[in-house]
Amino acid sequence: MEQENVELFLKWLDNELAKNNLSDSQFAAKAKVSHTVMSRARKGKLPKWDACLLIAEALHKDPVEVFRLAGLLPKLPDPTEELERLIFVCENLPQEYRPMAIRVIRVLPGEK
């Protein structure tokens, strides 16, 4: 399971760094983590809670998603992950947009 976590985390991280056109050292500076954290991740030692939180903040990602990718929290089945992302997005909406978001979600078609 550990090796699977390493592979998933690194694949995700590589994708995020590519989207942001950042090298490991550039990202480490942006995230305010030591380059050693990035180097150790590349060698199979995934970051711990504090570093994952900084990584999530630097990438504007839900920290829970990063914790799960790093193997710090157990994986959830796919539908729960989608719900978790939806909750994160809604929690981060400005207060004035929340009633509109609720109205939009309520008009979406349900299961048939």
PDB file of N, CA and C in Angstrom:
ATOM      1  N   MET A   1       0.822  -1.189   0.000  1.00  0.00           N
ATOM      2  CA  MET A   1       0.000   0.000   0.000  1.00  0.00           C
ATOM      3  C   MET A   1       0.867   1.255   0.000  1.00  0.00           C
ATOM      4  N   GLU A   2       1.961   1.225   0.739  1.00  0.00           N
ATOM      5  CA  GLU A   2       2.859   2.388   0.815  1.00  0.00           C
ATOM      6  C   GLU A   2       3.386   2.761  -0.562  1.00  0.00           C
ATOM      7  N   GLN A   3       3.853   1.791  -1.337  1.00  0.00           N
ATOM      8  CA  GLN A   3       4.396   2.080  -2.671  1.00  0.00           C
ATOM      9  C   GLN A   3       3.307   2.639  -3.578  1.00  0.00           C
ATOM     10  N   GLU A   4       2.095   2.134  -3.439  1.00  0.00           N
ATOM     11  CA  GLU A   4       0.966   2.650  -4.221  1.00  0.00           C
ATOM     12  C   GLU A   4       0.726   4.125  -3.881  1.00  0.00           C
ATOM     13  N   ASN A   5       0.793   4.461  -2.592  1.00  0.00           N
ATOM     14  CA  ASN A   5       0.631   5.858  -2.170  1.00  0.00           C
ATOM     15  C   ASN A   5       1.718   6.731  -2.775  1.00  0.00           C
ATOM     16  N   VAL A   6       2.948   6.252  -2.762  1.00  0.00           N
ATOM     17  CA  VAL A   6       4.061   7.018  -3.313  1.00  0.00           C
ATOM     18  C   VAL A   6       3.811   7.290  -4.790  1.00  0.00           C
ATOM     19  N   GLU A   7       3.447   6.263  -5.530  1.00  0.00           N
ATOM     20  CA  GLU A   7       3.213   6.421  -6.965  1.00  0.00           C
ATOM     21  C   GLU A   7       2.066   7.386  -7.247  1.00  0.00           C
ATOM     22  N   LEU A   8       0.956   7.244  -6.512  1.00  0.00           N
ATOM     23  CA  LEU A   8      -0.188   8.138  -6.708  1.00  0.00           C
ATOM     24  C   LEU A   8       0.160   9.581  -6.352  1.00  0.00           C
ATOM     25  N   PHE A   9       0.849   9.760  -5.241  1.00  0.00           N
ATOM     26  CA  PHE A   9       1.221  11.103  -4.811  1.00  0.00           C
ATOM     27  C   PHE A   9       2.140  11.757  -5.830  1.00  0.00           C
ATOM     28  N   LEU A  10       3.155  11.038  -6.273  1.00  0.00           N
ATOM     29  CA  LEU A  10       4.115  11.610  -7.217  1.00  0.00           C
ATOM     30  C   LEU A  10       3.467  11.905  -8.565  1.00  0.00           C
ATOM     31  N   LYS A  11       2.586  11.041  -9.013  1.00  0.00           N
ATOM     32  CA  LYS A  11       1.870  11.291 -10.273  1.00  0.00           C
ATOM     33  C   LYS A  11       1.028  12.557 -10.142  1.00  0.00           C
ATOM     34  N   TRP A  12       0.317  12.679  -9.028  1.00  0.00           N
ATOM     35  CA  TRP A  12      -0.499  13.863  -8.787  1.00  0.00           C
ATOM     36  C   TRP A  12       0.376  15.114  -8.704  1.00  0.00           C
ATOM     37  N   LEU A  13       1.462  15.042  -7.947  1.00  0.00           N
ATOM     38  CA  LEU A  13       2.355  16.180  -7.775  1.00  0.00           C
ATOM     39  C   LEU A  13       2.968  16.592  -9.113  1.00  0.00           C
ATOM     40  N   ASP A  14       3.436  15.626  -9.890  1.00  0.00           N
ATOM     41  CA  ASP A  14       4.012  15.931 -11.204  1.00  0.00           C
ATOM     42  C   ASP A  14       3.000  16.655 -12.080  1.00  0.00           C
ATOM     43  N   ASN A  15       1.760  16.197 -12.043  1.00  0.00           N
ATOM     44  CA  ASN A  15       0.698  16.823 -12.833  1.00  0.00           C
ATOM     45  C   ASN A  15       0.464  18.269 -12.381  1.00  0.00           C
ATOM     46  N   GLU A  16       0.400  18.477 -11.078  1.00  0.00           N
ATOM     47  CA  GLU A  16       0.168  19.823 -10.541  1.00  0.00           C
ATOM     48  C   GLU A  16       1.338  20.756 -10.861  1.00  0.00           C
ATOM     49  N   LEU A  17       2.556  20.262 -10.735  1.00  0.00           N
ATOM     50  CA  LEU A  17       3.720  21.091 -11.036  1.00  0.00           C
ATOM     51  C   LEU A  17       3.766  21.426 -12.525  1.00  0.00           C
ATOM     52  N   ALA A  18       3.410  20.464 -13.371  1.00  0.00           N
ATOM     53  CA  ALA A  18       3.381  20.719 -14.817  1.00  0.00           C
ATOM     54  C   ALA A  18       2.327  21.774 -15.155  1.00  0.00           C
ATOM     55  N   LYS A  19       1.146  21.672 -14.529  1.00  0.00           N
ATOM     56  CA  LYS A  19       0.088  22.659 -14.777  1.00  0.00           C
ATOM     57  C   LYS A  19       0.547  24.062 -14.385  1.00  0.00           C
ATOM     58  N   ASN A  20       1.356  24.147 -13.353  1.00  0.00           N
ATOM     59  CA  ASN A  20       1.823  25.440 -12.853  1.00  0.00           C
ATOM     60  C   ASN A  20       3.208  25.808 -13.370  1.00  0.00           C
ATOM     61  N   ASN A  21       3.764  24.959 -14.258  1.00  0.00           N
ATOM     62  CA  ASN A  21       5.068  25.193 -14.861  1.00  0.00           C
ATOM     63  C   ASN A  21       6.141  25.471 -13.799  1.00  0.00           C
ATOM     64  N   LEU A  22       6.201  24.570 -12.812  1.00  0.00           N
ATOM     65  CA  LEU A  22       7.146  24.735 -11.700  1.00  0.00           C
ATOM     66  C   LEU A  22       8.067  23.526 -11.581  1.00  0.00           C
ATOM     67  N   SER A  23       9.294  23.778 -11.240  1.00  0.00           N
ATOM     68  CA  SER A  23      10.226  22.696 -10.893  1.00  0.00           C
ATOM     69  C   SER A  23      10.025  22.361  -9.415  1.00  0.00           C
ATOM     70  N   ASP A  24      10.627  21.289  -8.965  1.00  0.00           N
ATOM     71  CA  ASP A  24      10.544  20.924  -7.548  1.00  0.00           C
ATOM     72  C   ASP A  24      11.063  22.057  -6.660  1.00  0.00           C
ATOM     73  N   SER A  25      12.209  22.629  -7.026  1.00  0.00           N
ATOM     74  CA  SER A  25      12.785  23.670  -6.177  1.00  0.00           C
ATOM     75  C   SER A  25      11.950  24.947  -6.200  1.00  0.00           C
ATOM     76  N   GLN A  26      11.388  25.300  -7.353  1.00  0.00           N
ATOM     77  CA  GLN A  26      10.508  26.468  -7.423  1.00  0.00           C
ATOM     78  C   GLN A  26       9.262  26.251  -6.567  1.00  0.00           C
ATOM     79  N   PHE A  27       8.715  25.037  -6.673  1.00  0.00           N
ATOM     80  CA  PHE A  27       7.520  24.750  -5.897  1.00  0.00           C
ATOM     81  C   PHE A  27       7.822  24.732  -4.402  1.00  0.00           C
ATOM     82  N   ALA A  28       8.953  24.151  -4.024  1.00  0.00           N
ATOM     83  CA  ALA A  28       9.324  24.116  -2.605  1.00  0.00           C
ATOM     84  C   ALA A  28       9.367  25.532  -2.043  1.00  0.00           C
ATOM     85  N   ALA A  29       9.940  26.459  -2.804  1.00  0.00           N
ATOM     86  CA  ALA A  29       9.999  27.854  -2.347  1.00  0.00           C
ATOM     87  C   ALA A  29       8.598  28.450  -2.251  1.00  0.00           C
ATOM     88  N   LYS A  30       7.770  28.178  -3.246  1.00  0.00           N
ATOM     89  CA  LYS A  30       6.393  28.702  -3.249  1.00  0.00           C
ATOM     90  C   LYS A  30       5.599  28.147  -2.067  1.00  0.00           C
ATOM     91  N   ALA A  31       5.751  26.860  -1.803  1.00  0.00           N
ATOM     92  CA  ALA A  31       4.993  26.201  -0.737  1.00  0.00           C
ATOM     93  C   ALA A  31       5.609  26.429   0.644  1.00  0.00           C
ATOM     94  N   LYS A  32       6.793  26.993   0.667  1.00  0.00           N
ATOM     95  CA  LYS A  32       7.506  27.236   1.928  1.00  0.00           C
ATOM     96  C   LYS A  32       7.849  25.935   2.654  1.00  0.00           C
ATOM     97  N   VAL A  33       8.217  24.924   1.851  1.00  0.00           N
ATOM     98  CA  VAL A  33       8.733  23.672   2.405  1.00  0.00           C
ATOM     99  C   VAL A  33      10.188  23.558   1.962  1.00  0.00           C
ATOM    100  N   SER A  34      10.967  22.823   2.694  1.00  0.00           N
ATOM    101  CA  SER A  34      12.364  22.677   2.308  1.00  0.00           C
ATOM    102  C   SER A  34      12.457  21.815   1.050  1.00  0.00           C
ATOM    103  N   HIS A  35      13.502  22.048   0.276  1.00  0.00           N
ATOM    104  CA  HIS A  35      13.720  21.228  -0.912  1.00  0.00           C
ATOM    105  C   HIS A  35      13.893  19.765  -0.520  1.00  0.00           C
ATOM    106  N   THR A  36      14.345  19.531   0.713  1.00  0.00           N
ATOM    107  CA  THR A  36      14.519  18.173   1.215  1.00  0.00           C
ATOM    108  C   THR A  36      13.194  17.417   1.218  1.00  0.00           C
ATOM    109  N   VAL A  37      12.095  18.091   1.540  1.00  0.00           N
ATOM    110  CA  VAL A  37      10.771  17.455   1.534  1.00  0.00           C
ATOM    111  C   VAL A  37      10.471  16.914   0.138  1.00  0.00           C
ATOM    112  N   MET A  38      10.767  17.725  -0.868  1.00  0.00           N
ATOM    113  CA  MET A  38      10.506  17.302  -2.247  1.00  0.00           C
ATOM    114  C   MET A  38      11.447  16.158  -2.642  1.00  0.00           C
ATOM    115  N   SER A  39      12.707  16.274  -2.262  1.00  0.00           N
ATOM    116  CA  SER A  39      13.690  15.249  -2.585  1.00  0.00           C
ATOM    117  C   SER A  39      13.318  13.915  -1.937  1.00  0.00           C
ATOM    118  N   ARG A  40      12.909  13.963  -0.676  1.00  0.00           N
ATOM    119  CA  ARG A  40      12.518  12.723   0.022  1.00  0.00           C
ATOM    120  C   ARG A  40      11.280  12.105  -0.622  1.00  0.00           C
ATOM    121  N   ALA A  41      10.327  12.945  -1.039  1.00  0.00           N
ATOM    122  CA  ALA A  41       9.125  12.419  -1.709  1.00  0.00           C
ATOM    123  C   ALA A  41       9.531  11.679  -2.982  1.00  0.00           C
ATOM    124  N   ARG A  42      10.462  12.248  -3.722  1.00  0.00           N
ATOM    125  CA  ARG A  42      10.929  11.604  -4.961  1.00  0.00           C
ATOM    126  C   ARG A  42      11.606  10.265  -4.673  1.00  0.00           C
ATOM    127  N   LYS A  43      12.142  10.128  -3.464  1.00  0.00           N
ATOM    128  CA  LYS A  43      12.805   8.883  -3.077  1.00  0.00           C
ATOM    129  C   LYS A  43      11.864   7.916  -2.359  1.00  0.00           C
ATOM    130  N   GLY A  44      10.578   8.286  -2.226  1.00  0.00           N
ATOM    131  CA  GLY A  44       9.602   7.373  -1.646  1.00  0.00           C
ATOM    132  C   GLY A  44       9.177   7.673  -0.223  1.00  0.00           C
ATOM    133  N   LYS A  45       9.684   8.741   0.387  1.00  0.00           N
ATOM    134  CA  LYS A  45       9.270   9.112   1.741  1.00  0.00           C
ATOM    135  C   LYS A  45       8.321  10.303   1.642  1.00  0.00           C
ATOM    136  N   LEU A  46       7.038  10.009   1.736  1.00  0.00           N
ATOM    137  CA  LEU A  46       6.021  11.043   1.525  1.00  0.00           C
ATOM    138  C   LEU A  46       5.989  12.060   2.658  1.00  0.00           C
ATOM    139  N   PRO A  47       5.581  13.290   2.328  1.00  0.00           N
ATOM    140  CA  PRO A  47       5.539  14.347   3.350  1.00  0.00           C
ATOM    141  C   PRO A  47       4.505  14.053   4.434  1.00  0.00           C
ATOM    142  N   LYS A  48       4.741  14.635   5.591  1.00  0.00           N
ATOM    143  CA  LYS A  48       3.837  14.469   6.740  1.00  0.00           C
ATOM    144  C   LYS A  48       2.825  15.616   6.760  1.00  0.00           C
ATOM    145  N   TRP A  49       2.063  15.683   7.824  1.00  0.00           N
ATOM    146  CA  TRP A  49       0.924  16.593   7.940  1.00  0.00           C
ATOM    147  C   TRP A  49       1.265  18.051   7.620  1.00  0.00           C
ATOM    148  N   ASP A  50       2.269  18.597   8.294  1.00  0.00           N
ATOM    149  CA  ASP A  50       2.589  20.016   8.123  1.00  0.00           C
ATOM    150  C   ASP A  50       2.970  20.335   6.682  1.00  0.00           C
ATOM    151  N   ALA A  51       3.826  19.517   6.104  1.00  0.00           N
ATOM    152  CA  ALA A  51       4.263  19.755   4.727  1.00  0.00           C
ATOM    153  C   ALA A  51       3.102  19.576   3.754  1.00  0.00           C
ATOM    154  N   CYS A  52       2.242  18.585   3.987  1.00  0.00           N
ATOM    155  CA  CYS A  52       1.078  18.379   3.116  1.00  0.00           C
ATOM    156  C   CYS A  52       0.141  19.579   3.159  1.00  0.00           C
ATOM    157  N   LEU A  53      -0.027  20.152   4.334  1.00  0.00           N
ATOM    158  CA  LEU A  53      -0.876  21.336   4.470  1.00  0.00           C
ATOM    159  C   LEU A  53      -0.283  22.500   3.662  1.00  0.00           C
ATOM    160  N   LEU A  54       1.013  22.703   3.741  1.00  0.00           N
ATOM    161  CA  LEU A  54       1.661  23.764   2.974  1.00  0.00           C
ATOM    162  C   LEU A  54       1.559  23.508   1.470  1.00  0.00           C
ATOM    163  N   ILE A  55       1.697  22.250   1.077  1.00  0.00           N
ATOM    164  CA  ILE A  55       1.567  21.872  -0.334  1.00  0.00           C
ATOM    165  C   ILE A  55       0.149  22.171  -0.823  1.00  0.00           C
ATOM    166  N   ALA A  56      -0.840  21.780  -0.038  1.00  0.00           N
ATOM    167  CA  ALA A  56      -2.237  22.021  -0.409  1.00  0.00           C
ATOM    168  C   ALA A  56      -2.513  23.517  -0.551  1.00  0.00           C
ATOM    169  N   GLU A  57      -2.034  24.291   0.403  1.00  0.00           N
ATOM    170  CA  GLU A  57      -2.257  25.740   0.359  1.00  0.00           C
ATOM    171  C   GLU A  57      -1.593  26.360  -0.868  1.00  0.00           C
ATOM    172  N   ALA A  58      -0.385  25.935  -1.180  1.00  0.00           N
ATOM    173  CA  ALA A  58       0.335  26.493  -2.325  1.00  0.00           C
ATOM    174  C   ALA A  58      -0.352  26.155  -3.645  1.00  0.00           C
ATOM    175  N   LEU A  59      -1.016  24.998  -3.700  1.00  0.00           N
ATOM    176  CA  LEU A  59      -1.695  24.571  -4.927  1.00  0.00           C
ATOM    177  C   LEU A  59      -3.189  24.897  -4.927  1.00  0.00           C
ATOM    178  N   HIS A  60      -3.653  25.522  -3.847  1.00  0.00           N
ATOM    179  CA  HIS A  60      -5.080  25.849  -3.690  1.00  0.00           C
ATOM    180  C   HIS A  60      -5.947  24.588  -3.800  1.00  0.00           C
ATOM    181  N   LYS A  61      -5.506  23.565  -3.090  1.00  0.00           N
ATOM    182  CA  LYS A  61      -6.211  22.279  -3.062  1.00  0.00           C
ATOM    183  C   LYS A  61      -6.756  22.027  -1.670  1.00  0.00           C
ATOM    184  N   ASP A  62      -7.755  21.176  -1.592  1.00  0.00           N
ATOM    185  CA  ASP A  62      -8.300  20.750  -0.308  1.00  0.00           C
ATOM    186  C   ASP A  62      -7.211  19.962   0.420  1.00  0.00           C
ATOM    187  N   PRO A  63      -6.844  20.380   1.630  1.00  0.00           N
ATOM    188  CA  PRO A  63      -5.801  19.646   2.363  1.00  0.00           C
ATOM    189  C   PRO A  63      -6.145  18.173   2.569  1.00  0.00           C
ATOM    190  N   VAL A  64      -7.405  17.862   2.750  1.00  0.00           N
ATOM    191  CA  VAL A  64      -7.808  16.463   2.953  1.00  0.00           C
ATOM    192  C   VAL A  64      -7.418  15.624   1.742  1.00  0.00           C
ATOM    193  N   GLU A  65      -7.553  16.191   0.554  1.00  0.00           N
ATOM    194  CA  GLU A  65      -7.162  15.471  -0.665  1.00  0.00           C
ATOM    195  C   GLU A  65      -5.663  15.151  -0.632  1.00  0.00           C
ATOM    196  N   VAL A  66      -4.860  16.118  -0.235  1.00  0.00           N
ATOM    197  CA  VAL A  66      -3.409  15.917  -0.183  1.00  0.00           C
ATOM    198  C   VAL A  66      -3.049  14.925   0.925  1.00  0.00           C
ATOM    199  N   PHE A  67      -3.721  15.019   2.080  1.00  0.00           N
ATOM    200  CA  PHE A  67      -3.481  14.062   3.164  1.00  0.00           C
ATOM    201  C   PHE A  67      -3.768  12.641   2.684  1.00  0.00           C
ATOM    202  N   ARG A  68      -4.858  12.476   1.941  1.00  0.00           N
ATOM    203  CA  ARG A  68      -5.207  11.135   1.436  1.00  0.00           C
ATOM    204  C   ARG A  68      -4.164  10.642   0.434  1.00  0.00           C
ATOM    205  N   LEU A  69      -3.748  11.525  -0.473  1.00  0.00           N
ATOM    206  CA  LEU A  69      -2.743  11.142  -1.470  1.00  0.00           C
ATOM    207  C   LEU A  69      -1.431  10.738  -0.815  1.00  0.00           C
ATOM    208  N   ALA A  70      -1.092  11.394   0.292  1.00  0.00           N
ATOM    209  CA  ALA A  70       0.157  11.081   0.997  1.00  0.00           C
ATOM    210  C   ALA A  70       0.002   9.881   1.925  1.00  0.00           C
ATOM    211  N   GLY A  71      -1.185   9.286   1.979  1.00  0.00           N
ATOM    212  CA  GLY A  71      -1.396   8.107   2.815  1.00  0.00           C
ATOM    213  C   GLY A  71      -1.581   8.432   4.285  1.00  0.00           C
ATOM    214  N   LEU A  72      -1.819   9.695   4.613  1.00  0.00           N
ATOM    215  CA  LEU A  72      -2.021  10.077   6.013  1.00  0.00           C
ATOM    216  C   LEU A  72      -3.461   9.836   6.459  1.00  0.00           C
ATOM    217  N   LEU A  73      -4.373   9.832   5.522  1.00  0.00           N
ATOM    218  CA  LEU A  73      -5.779   9.500   5.783  1.00  0.00           C
ATOM    219  C   LEU A  73      -6.171   8.366   4.850  1.00  0.00           C
ATOM    220  N   PRO A  74      -7.105   7.532   5.267  1.00  0.00           N
ATOM    221  CA  PRO A  74      -7.510   6.422   4.395  1.00  0.00           C
ATOM    222  C   PRO A  74      -8.250   6.928   3.156  1.00  0.00           C
ATOM    223  N   LYS A  75      -8.132   6.174   2.098  1.00  0.00           N
ATOM    224  CA  LYS A  75      -8.844   6.494   0.870  1.00  0.00           C
ATOM    225  C   LYS A  75     -10.337   6.259   1.072  1.00  0.00           C
ATOM    226  N   LEU A  76     -11.143   7.044   0.367  1.00  0.00           N
ATOM    227  CA  LEU A  76     -12.592   6.888   0.389  1.00  0.00           C
ATOM    228  C   LEU A  76     -13.057   6.384  -0.968  1.00  0.00           C
ATOM    229  N   PRO A  77     -14.208   5.734  -1.017  1.00  0.00           N
ATOM    230  CA  PRO A  77     -14.748   5.332  -2.318  1.00  0.00           C
ATOM    231  C   PRO A  77     -15.022   6.574  -3.175  1.00  0.00           C
ATOM    232  N   ASP A  78     -15.018   6.419  -4.468  1.00  0.00           N
ATOM    233  CA  ASP A  78     -15.167   7.544  -5.392  1.00  0.00           C
ATOM    234  C   ASP A  78     -16.347   8.466  -5.118  1.00  0.00           C
ATOM    235  N   PRO A  79     -17.569   7.953  -4.914  1.00  0.00           N
ATOM    236  CA  PRO A  79     -18.682   8.885  -4.689  1.00  0.00           C
ATOM    237  C   PRO A  79     -18.453   9.794  -3.481  1.00  0.00           C
ATOM    238  N   THR A  80     -17.806   9.279  -2.459  1.00  0.00           N
ATOM    239  CA  THR A  80     -17.550  10.082  -1.272  1.00  0.00           C
ATOM    240  C   THR A  80     -16.501  11.148  -1.568  1.00  0.00           C
ATOM    241  N   GLU A  81     -15.522  10.814  -2.411  1.00  0.00           N
ATOM    242  CA  GLU A  81     -14.513  11.800  -2.795  1.00  0.00           C
ATOM    243  C   GLU A  81     -15.168  12.958  -3.536  1.00  0.00           C
ATOM    244  N   GLU A  82     -16.110  12.648  -4.432  1.00  0.00           N
ATOM    245  CA  GLU A  82     -16.811  13.705  -5.162  1.00  0.00           C
ATOM    246  C   GLU A  82     -17.600  14.587  -4.199  1.00  0.00           C
ATOM    247  N   LEU A  83     -18.269  13.969  -3.247  1.00  0.00           N
ATOM    248  CA  LEU A  83     -19.030  14.732  -2.261  1.00  0.00           C
ATOM    249  C   LEU A  83     -18.101  15.592  -1.422  1.00  0.00           C
ATOM    250  N   GLU A  84     -16.967  15.041  -1.045  1.00  0.00           N
ATOM    251  CA  GLU A  84     -15.985  15.782  -0.263  1.00  0.00           C
ATOM    252  C   GLU A  84     -15.485  17.003  -1.033  1.00  0.00           C
ATOM    253  N   ARG A  85     -15.239  16.856  -2.336  1.00  0.00           N
ATOM    254  CA  ARG A  85     -14.799  17.990  -3.161  1.00  0.00           C
ATOM    255  C   ARG A  85     -15.900  19.041  -3.257  1.00  0.00           C
ATOM    256  N   LEU A  86     -17.127  18.583  -3.422  1.00  0.00           N
ATOM    257  CA  LEU A  86     -18.267  19.505  -3.498  1.00  0.00           C
ATOM    258  C   LEU A  86     -18.394  20.316  -2.210  1.00  0.00           C
ATOM    259  N   ILE A  87     -18.265  19.654  -1.088  1.00  0.00           N
ATOM    260  CA  ILE A  87     -18.333  20.344   0.204  1.00  0.00           C
ATOM    261  C   ILE A  87     -17.206  21.358   0.319  1.00  0.00           C
ATOM    262  N   PHE A  88     -16.004  20.980  -0.083  1.00  0.00           N
ATOM    263  CA  PHE A  88     -14.867  21.901  -0.011  1.00  0.00           C
ATOM    264  C   PHE A  88     -15.122  23.138  -0.863  1.00  0.00           C
ATOM    265  N   VAL A  89     -15.614  22.942  -2.085  1.00  0.00           N
ATOM    266  CA  VAL A  89     -15.887  24.079  -2.972  1.00  0.00           C
ATOM    267  C   VAL A  89     -16.942  24.983  -2.353  1.00  0.00           C
ATOM    268  N   CYS A  90     -18.008  24.375  -1.839  1.00  0.00           N
ATOM    269  CA  CYS A  90     -19.086  25.165  -1.236  1.00  0.00           C
ATOM    270  C   CYS A  90     -18.611  25.923   0.007  1.00  0.00           C
ATOM    271  N   GLU A  91     -17.809  25.300   0.804  1.00  0.00           N
ATOM    272  CA  GLU A  91     -17.300  25.965   2.008  1.00  0.00           C
ATOM    273  C   GLU A  91     -16.423  27.170   1.672  1.00  0.00           C
ATOM    274  N   ASN A  92     -15.807  27.126   0.508  1.00  0.00           N
ATOM    275  CA  ASN A  92     -14.902  28.206   0.126  1.00  0.00           C
ATOM    276  C   ASN A  92     -15.543  29.258  -0.774  1.00  0.00           C
ATOM    277  N   LEU A  93     -16.838  29.097  -1.036  1.00  0.00           N
ATOM    278  CA  LEU A  93     -17.553  30.134  -1.776  1.00  0.00           C
ATOM    279  C   LEU A  93     -17.754  31.345  -0.881  1.00  0.00           C
ATOM    280  N   PRO A  94     -17.708  32.533  -1.458  1.00  0.00           N
ATOM    281  CA  PRO A  94     -18.076  33.701  -0.653  1.00  0.00           C
ATOM    282  C   PRO A  94     -19.523  33.552  -0.171  1.00  0.00           C
ATOM    283  N   GLN A  95     -19.795  34.044   0.994  1.00  0.00           N
ATOM    284  CA  GLN A  95     -21.109  33.886   1.637  1.00  0.00           C
ATOM    285  C   GLN A  95     -22.249  34.301   0.707  1.00  0.00           C
ATOM    286  N   GLU A  96     -22.055  35.369  -0.058  1.00  0.00           N
ATOM    287  CA  GLU A  96     -23.143  35.868  -0.904  1.00  0.00           C
ATOM    288  C   GLU A  96     -23.482  34.938  -2.073  1.00  0.00           C
ATOM    289  N   TYR A  97     -22.568  34.012  -2.438  1.00  0.00           N
ATOM    290  CA  TYR A  97     -22.836  33.081  -3.538  1.00  0.00           C
ATOM    291  C   TYR A  97     -23.452  31.758  -3.079  1.00  0.00           C
ATOM    292  N   ARG A  98     -23.418  31.481  -1.814  1.00  0.00           N
ATOM    293  CA  ARG A  98     -23.912  30.184  -1.317  1.00  0.00           C
ATOM    294  C   ARG A  98     -25.389  29.950  -1.611  1.00  0.00           C
ATOM    295  N   PRO A  99     -26.298  30.922  -1.381  1.00  0.00           N
ATOM    296  CA  PRO A  99     -27.707  30.668  -1.724  1.00  0.00           C
ATOM    297  C   PRO A  99     -27.897  30.350  -3.205  1.00  0.00           C
ATOM    298  N   MET A 100     -27.151  31.022  -4.083  1.00  0.00           N
ATOM    299  CA  MET A 100     -27.248  30.760  -5.515  1.00  0.00           C
ATOM    300  C   MET A 100     -26.760  29.344  -5.833  1.00  0.00           C
ATOM    301  N   ALA A 101     -25.666  28.932  -5.202  1.00  0.00           N
ATOM    302  CA  ALA A 101     -25.128  27.590  -5.434  1.00  0.00           C
ATOM    303  C   ALA A 101     -26.142  26.525  -5.003  1.00  0.00           C
ATOM    304  N   ILE A 102     -26.803  26.747  -3.891  1.00  0.00           N
ATOM    305  CA  ILE A 102     -27.821  25.795  -3.417  1.00  0.00           C
ATOM    306  C   ILE A 102     -28.963  25.705  -4.418  1.00  0.00           C
ATOM    307  N   ARG A 103     -29.400  26.850  -4.944  1.00  0.00           N
ATOM    308  CA  ARG A 103     -30.492  26.839  -5.936  1.00  0.00           C
ATOM    309  C   ARG A 103     -30.074  26.074  -7.188  1.00  0.00           C
ATOM    310  N   VAL A 104     -28.847  26.272  -7.632  1.00  0.00           N
ATOM    311  CA  VAL A 104     -28.364  25.575  -8.838  1.00  0.00           C
ATOM    312  C   VAL A 104     -28.328  24.077  -8.585  1.00  0.00           C
ATOM    313  N   ILE A 105     -27.807  23.650  -7.455  1.00  0.00           N
ATOM    314  CA  ILE A 105     -27.699  22.219  -7.157  1.00  0.00           C
ATOM    315  C   ILE A 105     -29.087  21.593  -7.062  1.00  0.00           C
ATOM    316  N   ARG A 106     -30.037  22.304  -6.487  1.00  0.00           N
ATOM    317  CA  ARG A 106     -31.396  21.744  -6.341  1.00  0.00           C
ATOM    318  C   ARG A 106     -32.092  21.500  -7.668  1.00  0.00           C
ATOM    319  N   VAL A 107     -31.756  22.233  -8.734  1.00  0.00           N
ATOM    320  CA  VAL A 107     -32.428  22.029 -10.010  1.00  0.00           C
ATOM    321  C   VAL A 107     -31.751  20.974 -10.877  1.00  0.00           C
ATOM    322  N   LEU A 108     -30.601  20.476 -10.437  1.00  0.00           N
ATOM    323  CA  LEU A 108     -29.944  19.409 -11.187  1.00  0.00           C
ATOM    324  C   LEU A 108     -30.792  18.149 -11.128  1.00  0.00           C
ATOM    325  N   PRO A 109     -30.789  17.380 -12.228  1.00  0.00           N
ATOM    326  CA  PRO A 109     -31.591  16.145 -12.220  1.00  0.00           C
ATOM    327  C   PRO A 109     -31.042  15.126 -11.229  1.00  0.00           C
ATOM    328  N   GLY A 110     -31.948  14.439 -10.551  1.00  0.00           N
ATOM    329  CA  GLY A 110     -31.557  13.385  -9.630  1.00  0.00           C
ATOM    330  C   GLY A 110     -31.451  12.053 -10.343  1.00  0.00           C
ATOM    331  N   GLU A 111     -31.242  11.009  -9.580  1.00  0.00           N
ATOM    332  CA  GLU A 111     -31.175   9.665 -10.172  1.00  0.00           C
ATOM    333  C   GLU A 111     -32.529   9.282 -10.721  1.00  0.00           C
ATOM    334  N   LYS A 112     -32.499   8.502 -11.794  1.00  0.00           N
ATOM    335  CA  LYS A 112     -33.751   8.040 -12.413  1.00  0.00           C
ATOM    336  C   LYS A 112     -33.966   6.596 -12.122  1.00  0.00           C
TER     337      LYS A 112
END
